[in-house]
Amino acid sequence: MAGQQSLRTHTCGELRPEQVGHRVTLAGWVHRRRDHGHLTFFDLRDRYGITQVVTSADEAPAAHEAGAEARNEWVIQVSGAVRHRPQGTTNPELPTGEIEVAVDELTVLNESKVPPFYINEEQPGLEEALRLRYRYLDLRRPPMRDRLLLRARMVSEIRRELEAHGFVEVDTPLLIRSTPEGARDFVVPSRLQPGQFFALPQSPQQLKQLLMVAGYDRYYQMAHCMRDED
């Protein structure tokens, strides 16, 4: 936690007009860069959002110079004062769109090669094989981030609702002894017993009945689905 606090004081989706005048430290990926000569604007991104930060050759030449080579997906840390964006330049599409950070310190934490696909915009026809090869980059993309966060919120709401009605969460075994129901088995070899295999339960109702007989009249499970299909 101490390391996280020294890296940043706020996330890139946190700052609002209430923090104007405060000195803050942010860290994240360069989402976009706009170079206007004596002014350089960076959209700084982490998984919480985006904040616009500005370096000025007149006000903080060392910070401006330190960020001169930074490009998309470079990881940088910036410190400076929160201020209102100039009139007419606010971005209503961003929760942080009314403010920016006037940077007086900038540190490049990690450089980046040119990514194999765009992180900051949609790229039609992007091959799934390429996305999976660079999965760590794919998961940075806003659509993928939004899906992960949506799933987390959805599961959290389900849990809260069911728990409010007296349900208890129970995970039944994911792999058990293979049973001859006739469907194709999804099998995993046993390391300790060569030639023996675990399989996905083909009769999960037996596990449900076991819980019911044991007195768990209200239970639920966030079941994971695995299938061995052509």
C-alpha atoms as a PDB file:
ATOM      1  CA  MET A   1       0.000   0.000   0.000  1.00  0.00           C
ATOM      2  CA  ALA A   2       2.862   2.384   0.799  1.00  0.00           C
ATOM      3  CA  GLY A   3       4.303   1.798  -2.657  1.00  0.00           C
ATOM      4  CA  GLN A   4       0.958   2.552  -4.270  1.00  0.00           C
ATOM      5  CA  GLN A   5       0.586   5.769  -2.302  1.00  0.00           C
ATOM      6  CA  SER A   6       4.065   6.951  -3.342  1.00  0.00           C
ATOM      7  CA  LEU A   7       3.307   6.165  -6.994  1.00  0.00           C
ATOM      8  CA  ARG A   8       0.113   8.226  -7.045  1.00  0.00           C
ATOM      9  CA  THR A   9      -2.174  10.202  -4.796  1.00  0.00           C
ATOM     10  CA  HIS A  10      -5.246   9.784  -7.027  1.00  0.00           C
ATOM     11  CA  THR A  11      -6.387   7.609  -9.894  1.00  0.00           C
ATOM     12  CA  CYS A  12      -6.920   8.947 -13.403  1.00  0.00           C
ATOM     13  CA  GLY A  13     -10.686   8.784 -13.007  1.00  0.00           C
ATOM     14  CA  GLU A  14     -10.952  10.460  -9.626  1.00  0.00           C
ATOM     15  CA  LEU A  15     -10.266  14.189  -9.894  1.00  0.00           C
ATOM     16  CA  ARG A  16     -13.136  16.683 -10.002  1.00  0.00           C
ATOM     17  CA  PRO A  17     -13.476  20.489  -9.722  1.00  0.00           C
ATOM     18  CA  GLU A  18     -13.521  20.067  -5.930  1.00  0.00           C
ATOM     19  CA  GLN A  19      -9.799  19.251  -6.110  1.00  0.00           C
ATOM     20  CA  VAL A  20      -8.855  22.426  -8.020  1.00  0.00           C
ATOM     21  CA  GLY A  21      -5.801  23.940  -6.352  1.00  0.00           C
ATOM     22  CA  HIS A  22      -4.659  20.639  -4.835  1.00  0.00           C
ATOM     23  CA  ARG A  23      -1.270  19.186  -5.688  1.00  0.00           C
ATOM     24  CA  VAL A  24      -1.609  15.617  -6.953  1.00  0.00           C
ATOM     25  CA  THR A  25       0.470  12.780  -8.380  1.00  0.00           C
ATOM     26  CA  LEU A  26      -0.892  10.516 -11.112  1.00  0.00           C
ATOM     27  CA  ALA A  27       0.568   7.540 -12.944  1.00  0.00           C
ATOM     28  CA  GLY A  28      -0.665   5.676 -15.994  1.00  0.00           C
ATOM     29  CA  TRP A  29      -0.394   5.002 -19.688  1.00  0.00           C
ATOM     30  CA  VAL A  30      -0.245   7.754 -22.291  1.00  0.00           C
ATOM     31  CA  HIS A  31      -3.603   7.325 -24.013  1.00  0.00           C
ATOM     32  CA  ARG A  32      -3.142  10.229 -26.430  1.00  0.00           C
ATOM     33  CA  ARG A  33      -0.587  12.978 -26.912  1.00  0.00           C
ATOM     34  CA  ARG A  34      -1.144  16.373 -28.522  1.00  0.00           C
ATOM     35  CA  ASP A  35       1.951  18.483 -29.099  1.00  0.00           C
ATOM     36  CA  HIS A  36       1.445  22.242 -29.506  1.00  0.00           C
ATOM     37  CA  GLY A  37       5.100  23.208 -29.279  1.00  0.00           C
ATOM     38  CA  HIS A  38       5.427  25.040 -25.981  1.00  0.00           C
ATOM     39  CA  LEU A  39       2.445  23.053 -24.623  1.00  0.00           C
ATOM     40  CA  THR A  40       1.983  19.277 -24.684  1.00  0.00           C
ATOM     41  CA  PHE A  41      -1.289  17.650 -23.661  1.00  0.00           C
ATOM     42  CA  PHE A  42      -1.425  14.045 -22.516  1.00  0.00           C
ATOM     43  CA  ASP A  43      -4.518  11.992 -21.860  1.00  0.00           C
ATOM     44  CA  LEU A  44      -3.272   9.859 -18.989  1.00  0.00           C
ATOM     45  CA  ARG A  45      -5.114   6.557 -18.525  1.00  0.00           C
ATOM     46  CA  ASP A  46      -5.426   3.873 -15.904  1.00  0.00           C
ATOM     47  CA  ARG A  47      -8.201   1.366 -15.408  1.00  0.00           C
ATOM     48  CA  TYR A  48     -10.232   3.974 -13.483  1.00  0.00           C
ATOM     49  CA  GLY A  49     -10.415   6.550 -16.262  1.00  0.00           C
ATOM     50  CA  ILE A  50      -8.588   9.330 -18.101  1.00  0.00           C
ATOM     51  CA  THR A  51      -7.237  12.689 -16.922  1.00  0.00           C
ATOM     52  CA  GLN A  52      -5.787  15.399 -19.133  1.00  0.00           C
ATOM     53  CA  VAL A  53      -2.362  16.599 -17.999  1.00  0.00           C
ATOM     54  CA  VAL A  54      -0.392  19.484 -19.503  1.00  0.00           C
ATOM     55  CA  THR A  55       3.312  20.300 -19.667  1.00  0.00           C
ATOM     56  CA  SER A  56       4.455  23.826 -20.449  1.00  0.00           C
ATOM     57  CA  ALA A  57       7.880  24.816 -21.739  1.00  0.00           C
ATOM     58  CA  ASP A  58       7.402  28.234 -20.144  1.00  0.00           C
ATOM     59  CA  GLU A  59       6.132  27.214 -16.701  1.00  0.00           C
ATOM     60  CA  ALA A  60       7.992  23.916 -16.136  1.00  0.00           C
ATOM     61  CA  PRO A  61      10.677  23.419 -18.810  1.00  0.00           C
ATOM     62  CA  ALA A  62      12.250  20.374 -17.124  1.00  0.00           C
ATOM     63  CA  ALA A  63       8.942  18.493 -16.987  1.00  0.00           C
ATOM     64  CA  HIS A  64       8.163  19.528 -20.564  1.00  0.00           C
ATOM     65  CA  GLU A  65      11.504  18.207 -21.734  1.00  0.00           C
ATOM     66  CA  ALA A  66      11.132  14.977 -19.744  1.00  0.00           C
ATOM     67  CA  GLY A  67       7.919  14.188 -21.602  1.00  0.00           C
ATOM     68  CA  ALA A  68       9.160  15.197 -25.044  1.00  0.00           C
ATOM     69  CA  GLU A  69       9.682  11.620 -26.229  1.00  0.00           C
ATOM     70  CA  ALA A  70       6.669  10.041 -24.509  1.00  0.00           C
ATOM     71  CA  ARG A  71       4.248   8.367 -26.883  1.00  0.00           C
ATOM     72  CA  ASN A  72       1.158   6.182 -26.688  1.00  0.00           C
ATOM     73  CA  GLU A  73       1.362   3.409 -24.060  1.00  0.00           C
ATOM     74  CA  TRP A  74       4.445   4.814 -22.372  1.00  0.00           C
ATOM     75  CA  VAL A  75       3.988   4.726 -18.612  1.00  0.00           C
ATOM     76  CA  ILE A  76       4.579   8.073 -16.950  1.00  0.00           C
ATOM     77  CA  GLN A  77       4.187   9.629 -13.520  1.00  0.00           C
ATOM     78  CA  VAL A  78       3.249  13.286 -13.218  1.00  0.00           C
ATOM     79  CA  SER A  79       2.853  15.726 -10.352  1.00  0.00           C
ATOM     80  CA  GLY A  80       1.278  19.152 -10.379  1.00  0.00           C
ATOM     81  CA  ALA A  81      -1.689  21.326  -9.470  1.00  0.00           C
ATOM     82  CA  VAL A  82      -5.265  20.601 -10.463  1.00  0.00           C
ATOM     83  CA  ARG A  83      -6.887  23.484 -12.319  1.00  0.00           C
ATOM     84  CA  HIS A  84     -10.025  24.207 -14.320  1.00  0.00           C
ATOM     85  CA  ARG A  85      -9.747  23.656 -18.030  1.00  0.00           C
ATOM     86  CA  PRO A  86      -9.894  26.890 -20.055  1.00  0.00           C
ATOM     87  CA  GLN A  87     -13.381  27.988 -21.018  1.00  0.00           C
ATOM     88  CA  GLY A  88     -14.634  26.157 -24.086  1.00  0.00           C
ATOM     89  CA  THR A  89     -12.235  23.210 -23.722  1.00  0.00           C
ATOM     90  CA  THR A  90     -14.118  21.065 -21.204  1.00  0.00           C
ATOM     91  CA  ASN A  91     -15.013  17.513 -22.209  1.00  0.00           C
ATOM     92  CA  PRO A  92     -18.499  16.502 -21.016  1.00  0.00           C
ATOM     93  CA  GLU A  93     -17.876  12.897 -22.105  1.00  0.00           C
ATOM     94  CA  LEU A  94     -15.266  12.431 -19.374  1.00  0.00           C
ATOM     95  CA  PRO A  95     -16.028  12.488 -15.627  1.00  0.00           C
ATOM     96  CA  THR A  96     -12.723  14.386 -15.287  1.00  0.00           C
ATOM     97  CA  GLY A  97     -13.517  16.623 -18.255  1.00  0.00           C
ATOM     98  CA  GLU A  98     -13.740  19.884 -16.303  1.00  0.00           C
ATOM     99  CA  ILE A  99     -10.203  19.809 -14.939  1.00  0.00           C
ATOM    100  CA  GLU A 100      -6.620  19.216 -15.956  1.00  0.00           C
ATOM    101  CA  VAL A 101      -3.296  18.879 -14.153  1.00  0.00           C
ATOM    102  CA  ALA A 102      -0.594  21.485 -14.767  1.00  0.00           C
ATOM    103  CA  VAL A 103       2.505  19.283 -14.588  1.00  0.00           C
ATOM    104  CA  ASP A 104       5.686  20.506 -12.929  1.00  0.00           C
ATOM    105  CA  GLU A 105       7.308  17.063 -12.492  1.00  0.00           C
ATOM    106  CA  LEU A 106       7.266  14.219 -15.029  1.00  0.00           C
ATOM    107  CA  THR A 107       9.006  10.857 -14.843  1.00  0.00           C
ATOM    108  CA  VAL A 108       9.011   8.201 -17.532  1.00  0.00           C
ATOM    109  CA  LEU A 109       8.459   4.918 -15.707  1.00  0.00           C
ATOM    110  CA  ASN A 110       8.513   2.679 -18.764  1.00  0.00           C
ATOM    111  CA  GLU A 111       8.876   3.153 -22.486  1.00  0.00           C
ATOM    112  CA  SER A 112       6.778   1.219 -24.991  1.00  0.00           C
ATOM    113  CA  LYS A 113       7.267  -0.104 -28.465  1.00  0.00           C
ATOM    114  CA  VAL A 114       4.557   0.710 -31.000  1.00  0.00           C
ATOM    115  CA  PRO A 115       1.673  -1.644 -30.074  1.00  0.00           C
ATOM    116  CA  PRO A 116       0.576  -4.215 -32.683  1.00  0.00           C
ATOM    117  CA  PHE A 117      -2.938  -2.717 -32.605  1.00  0.00           C
ATOM    118  CA  TYR A 118      -4.603   0.432 -31.348  1.00  0.00           C
ATOM    119  CA  ILE A 119      -5.326   0.672 -27.632  1.00  0.00           C
ATOM    120  CA  ASN A 120      -6.986   4.092 -27.682  1.00  0.00           C
ATOM    121  CA  GLU A 121      -9.490   3.531 -30.485  1.00  0.00           C
ATOM    122  CA  GLU A 122     -11.518   0.788 -32.131  1.00  0.00           C
ATOM    123  CA  GLN A 123      -9.841  -1.148 -34.926  1.00  0.00           C
ATOM    124  CA  PRO A 124     -12.377  -2.971 -37.150  1.00  0.00           C
ATOM    125  CA  GLY A 125     -11.365  -6.439 -38.293  1.00  0.00           C
ATOM    126  CA  LEU A 126      -8.815  -6.971 -35.530  1.00  0.00           C
ATOM    127  CA  GLU A 127      -7.910 -10.672 -35.596  1.00  0.00           C
ATOM    128  CA  GLU A 128      -8.702 -12.647 -32.472  1.00  0.00           C
ATOM    129  CA  ALA A 129      -5.420 -14.579 -32.725  1.00  0.00           C
ATOM    130  CA  LEU A 130      -3.493 -11.303 -32.538  1.00  0.00           C
ATOM    131  CA  ARG A 131      -5.581 -10.120 -29.592  1.00  0.00           C
ATOM    132  CA  LEU A 132      -4.942 -13.362 -27.713  1.00  0.00           C
ATOM    133  CA  ARG A 133      -1.215 -13.273 -28.466  1.00  0.00           C
ATOM    134  CA  TYR A 134      -1.048  -9.814 -26.911  1.00  0.00           C
ATOM    135  CA  ARG A 135      -3.780 -10.380 -24.344  1.00  0.00           C
ATOM    136  CA  TYR A 136      -2.187  -7.998 -21.825  1.00  0.00           C
ATOM    137  CA  LEU A 137      -2.604  -5.212 -24.392  1.00  0.00           C
ATOM    138  CA  ASP A 138      -6.085  -6.317 -25.418  1.00  0.00           C
ATOM    139  CA  LEU A 139      -7.252  -6.099 -21.806  1.00  0.00           C
ATOM    140  CA  ARG A 140      -6.140  -2.460 -21.662  1.00  0.00           C
ATOM    141  CA  ARG A 141      -8.582  -1.506 -24.425  1.00  0.00           C
ATOM    142  CA  PRO A 142     -11.629   0.382 -23.083  1.00  0.00           C
ATOM    143  CA  PRO A 143     -14.200  -2.095 -24.498  1.00  0.00           C
ATOM    144  CA  MET A 144     -12.495  -5.033 -22.781  1.00  0.00           C
ATOM    145  CA  ARG A 145     -12.042  -3.071 -19.554  1.00  0.00           C
ATOM    146  CA  ASP A 146     -15.709  -2.071 -19.582  1.00  0.00           C
ATOM    147  CA  ARG A 147     -16.819  -5.679 -20.063  1.00  0.00           C
ATOM    148  CA  LEU A 148     -14.708  -6.895 -17.161  1.00  0.00           C
ATOM    149  CA  LEU A 149     -15.996  -4.143 -14.879  1.00  0.00           C
ATOM    150  CA  LEU A 150     -19.595  -4.724 -15.988  1.00  0.00           C
ATOM    151  CA  ARG A 151     -19.313  -8.412 -15.182  1.00  0.00           C
ATOM    152  CA  ALA A 152     -17.841  -7.628 -11.763  1.00  0.00           C
ATOM    153  CA  ARG A 153     -20.690  -5.213 -10.972  1.00  0.00           C
ATOM    154  CA  MET A 154     -23.304  -7.655 -12.238  1.00  0.00           C
ATOM    155  CA  VAL A 155     -21.998 -10.555 -10.138  1.00  0.00           C
ATOM    156  CA  SER A 156     -21.741  -8.274  -7.105  1.00  0.00           C
ATOM    157  CA  GLU A 157     -25.389  -7.220  -7.505  1.00  0.00           C
ATOM    158  CA  ILE A 158     -26.497 -10.834  -7.881  1.00  0.00           C
ATOM    159  CA  ARG A 159     -24.656 -11.812  -4.718  1.00  0.00           C
ATOM    160  CA  ARG A 160     -26.104  -8.926  -2.716  1.00  0.00           C
ATOM    161  CA  GLU A 161     -29.657  -9.662  -3.866  1.00  0.00           C
ATOM    162  CA  LEU A 162     -29.476 -13.386  -3.143  1.00  0.00           C
ATOM    163  CA  GLU A 163     -27.790 -12.888   0.234  1.00  0.00           C
ATOM    164  CA  ALA A 164     -30.561 -10.442   1.185  1.00  0.00           C
ATOM    165  CA  HIS A 165     -32.996 -13.327   0.696  1.00  0.00           C
ATOM    166  CA  GLY A 166     -31.037 -15.780   2.822  1.00  0.00           C
ATOM    167  CA  PHE A 167     -29.159 -17.630   0.096  1.00  0.00           C
ATOM    168  CA  VAL A 168     -25.639 -18.890   0.791  1.00  0.00           C
ATOM    169  CA  GLU A 169     -22.968 -19.211  -1.894  1.00  0.00           C
ATOM    170  CA  VAL A 170     -21.574 -22.728  -2.277  1.00  0.00           C
ATOM    171  CA  ASP A 171     -19.096 -23.945  -4.881  1.00  0.00           C
ATOM    172  CA  THR A 172     -19.642 -27.564  -5.868  1.00  0.00           C
ATOM    173  CA  PRO A 173     -16.668 -29.572  -7.210  1.00  0.00           C
ATOM    174  CA  LEU A 174     -15.555 -28.549 -10.655  1.00  0.00           C
ATOM    175  CA  LEU A 175     -13.962 -31.927 -11.416  1.00  0.00           C
ATOM    176  CA  ILE A 176     -15.070 -35.332 -10.111  1.00  0.00           C
ATOM    177  CA  ARG A 177     -14.868 -38.986 -11.105  1.00  0.00           C
ATOM    178  CA  SER A 178     -16.148 -39.578 -14.616  1.00  0.00           C
ATOM    179  CA  THR A 179     -19.732 -40.900 -14.762  1.00  0.00           C
ATOM    180  CA  PRO A 180     -21.214 -42.750 -17.775  1.00  0.00           C
ATOM    181  CA  GLU A 181     -24.065 -40.473 -18.831  1.00  0.00           C
ATOM    182  CA  GLY A 182     -23.185 -40.739 -22.496  1.00  0.00           C
ATOM    183  CA  ALA A 183     -22.152 -37.163 -23.228  1.00  0.00           C
ATOM    184  CA  ARG A 184     -18.574 -36.385 -24.190  1.00  0.00           C
ATOM    185  CA  ASP A 185     -16.335 -36.091 -21.136  1.00  0.00           C
ATOM    186  CA  PHE A 186     -14.191 -33.049 -20.497  1.00  0.00           C
ATOM    187  CA  VAL A 187     -11.276 -34.858 -18.833  1.00  0.00           C
ATOM    188  CA  VAL A 188      -8.156 -33.832 -16.930  1.00  0.00           C
ATOM    189  CA  PRO A 189      -5.452 -36.444 -16.214  1.00  0.00           C
ATOM    190  CA  SER A 190      -4.516 -37.127 -12.595  1.00  0.00           C
ATOM    191  CA  ARG A 191      -0.884 -36.364 -11.814  1.00  0.00           C
ATOM    192  CA  LEU A 192      -0.808 -38.665  -8.774  1.00  0.00           C
ATOM    193  CA  GLN A 193      -2.647 -41.578 -10.416  1.00  0.00           C
ATOM    194  CA  PRO A 194      -1.318 -42.179 -13.962  1.00  0.00           C
ATOM    195  CA  GLY A 195      -4.007 -43.446 -16.310  1.00  0.00           C
ATOM    196  CA  GLN A 196      -6.821 -41.994 -14.184  1.00  0.00           C
ATOM    197  CA  PHE A 197      -8.797 -38.894 -15.076  1.00  0.00           C
ATOM    198  CA  PHE A 198     -11.025 -36.299 -13.489  1.00  0.00           C
ATOM    199  CA  ALA A 199     -14.021 -35.043 -15.465  1.00  0.00           C
ATOM    200  CA  LEU A 200     -16.604 -32.283 -15.405  1.00  0.00           C
ATOM    201  CA  PRO A 201     -19.718 -33.439 -13.515  1.00  0.00           C
ATOM    202  CA  GLN A 202     -22.303 -34.717 -15.974  1.00  0.00           C
ATOM    203  CA  SER A 203     -24.857 -35.071 -13.181  1.00  0.00           C
ATOM    204  CA  PRO A 204     -24.530 -31.834 -11.189  1.00  0.00           C
ATOM    205  CA  GLN A 205     -28.032 -32.392  -9.828  1.00  0.00           C
ATOM    206  CA  GLN A 206     -26.525 -35.030  -7.527  1.00  0.00           C
ATOM    207  CA  LEU A 207     -24.424 -32.317  -5.895  1.00  0.00           C
ATOM    208  CA  LYS A 208     -27.500 -30.113  -5.587  1.00  0.00           C
ATOM    209  CA  GLN A 209     -29.444 -32.959  -3.972  1.00  0.00           C
ATOM    210  CA  LEU A 210     -26.587 -33.533  -1.543  1.00  0.00           C
ATOM    211  CA  LEU A 211     -26.778 -29.918  -0.386  1.00  0.00           C
ATOM    212  CA  MET A 212     -30.561 -30.011  -0.094  1.00  0.00           C
ATOM    213  CA  VAL A 213     -30.518 -33.183   2.032  1.00  0.00           C
ATOM    214  CA  ALA A 214     -27.865 -31.558   4.219  1.00  0.00           C
ATOM    215  CA  GLY A 215     -30.272 -28.711   4.950  1.00  0.00           C
ATOM    216  CA  TYR A 216     -29.049 -25.979   2.614  1.00  0.00           C
ATOM    217  CA  ASP A 217     -32.469 -25.106   1.264  1.00  0.00           C
ATOM    218  CA  ARG A 218     -31.302 -21.837  -0.243  1.00  0.00           C
ATOM    219  CA  TYR A 219     -27.947 -21.817  -1.960  1.00  0.00           C
ATOM    220  CA  TYR A 220     -26.531 -20.508  -5.204  1.00  0.00           C
ATOM    221  CA  GLN A 221     -23.404 -20.972  -7.264  1.00  0.00           C
ATOM    222  CA  MET A 222     -21.660 -18.813  -9.843  1.00  0.00           C
ATOM    223  CA  ALA A 223     -20.959 -21.769 -12.100  1.00  0.00           C
ATOM    224  CA  HIS A 224     -18.128 -21.698 -14.649  1.00  0.00           C
ATOM    225  CA  CYS A 225     -18.798 -23.317 -17.992  1.00  0.00           C
ATOM    226  CA  MET A 226     -16.229 -25.504 -19.781  1.00  0.00           C
ATOM    227  CA  ARG A 227     -17.040 -27.617 -22.806  1.00  0.00           C
ATOM    228  CA  ASP A 228     -15.011 -29.850 -25.094  1.00  0.00           C
ATOM    229  CA  GLU A 229     -16.822 -29.210 -28.369  1.00  0.00           C
ATOM    230  CA  ASP A 230     -15.850 -29.335 -32.045  1.00  0.00           C
END
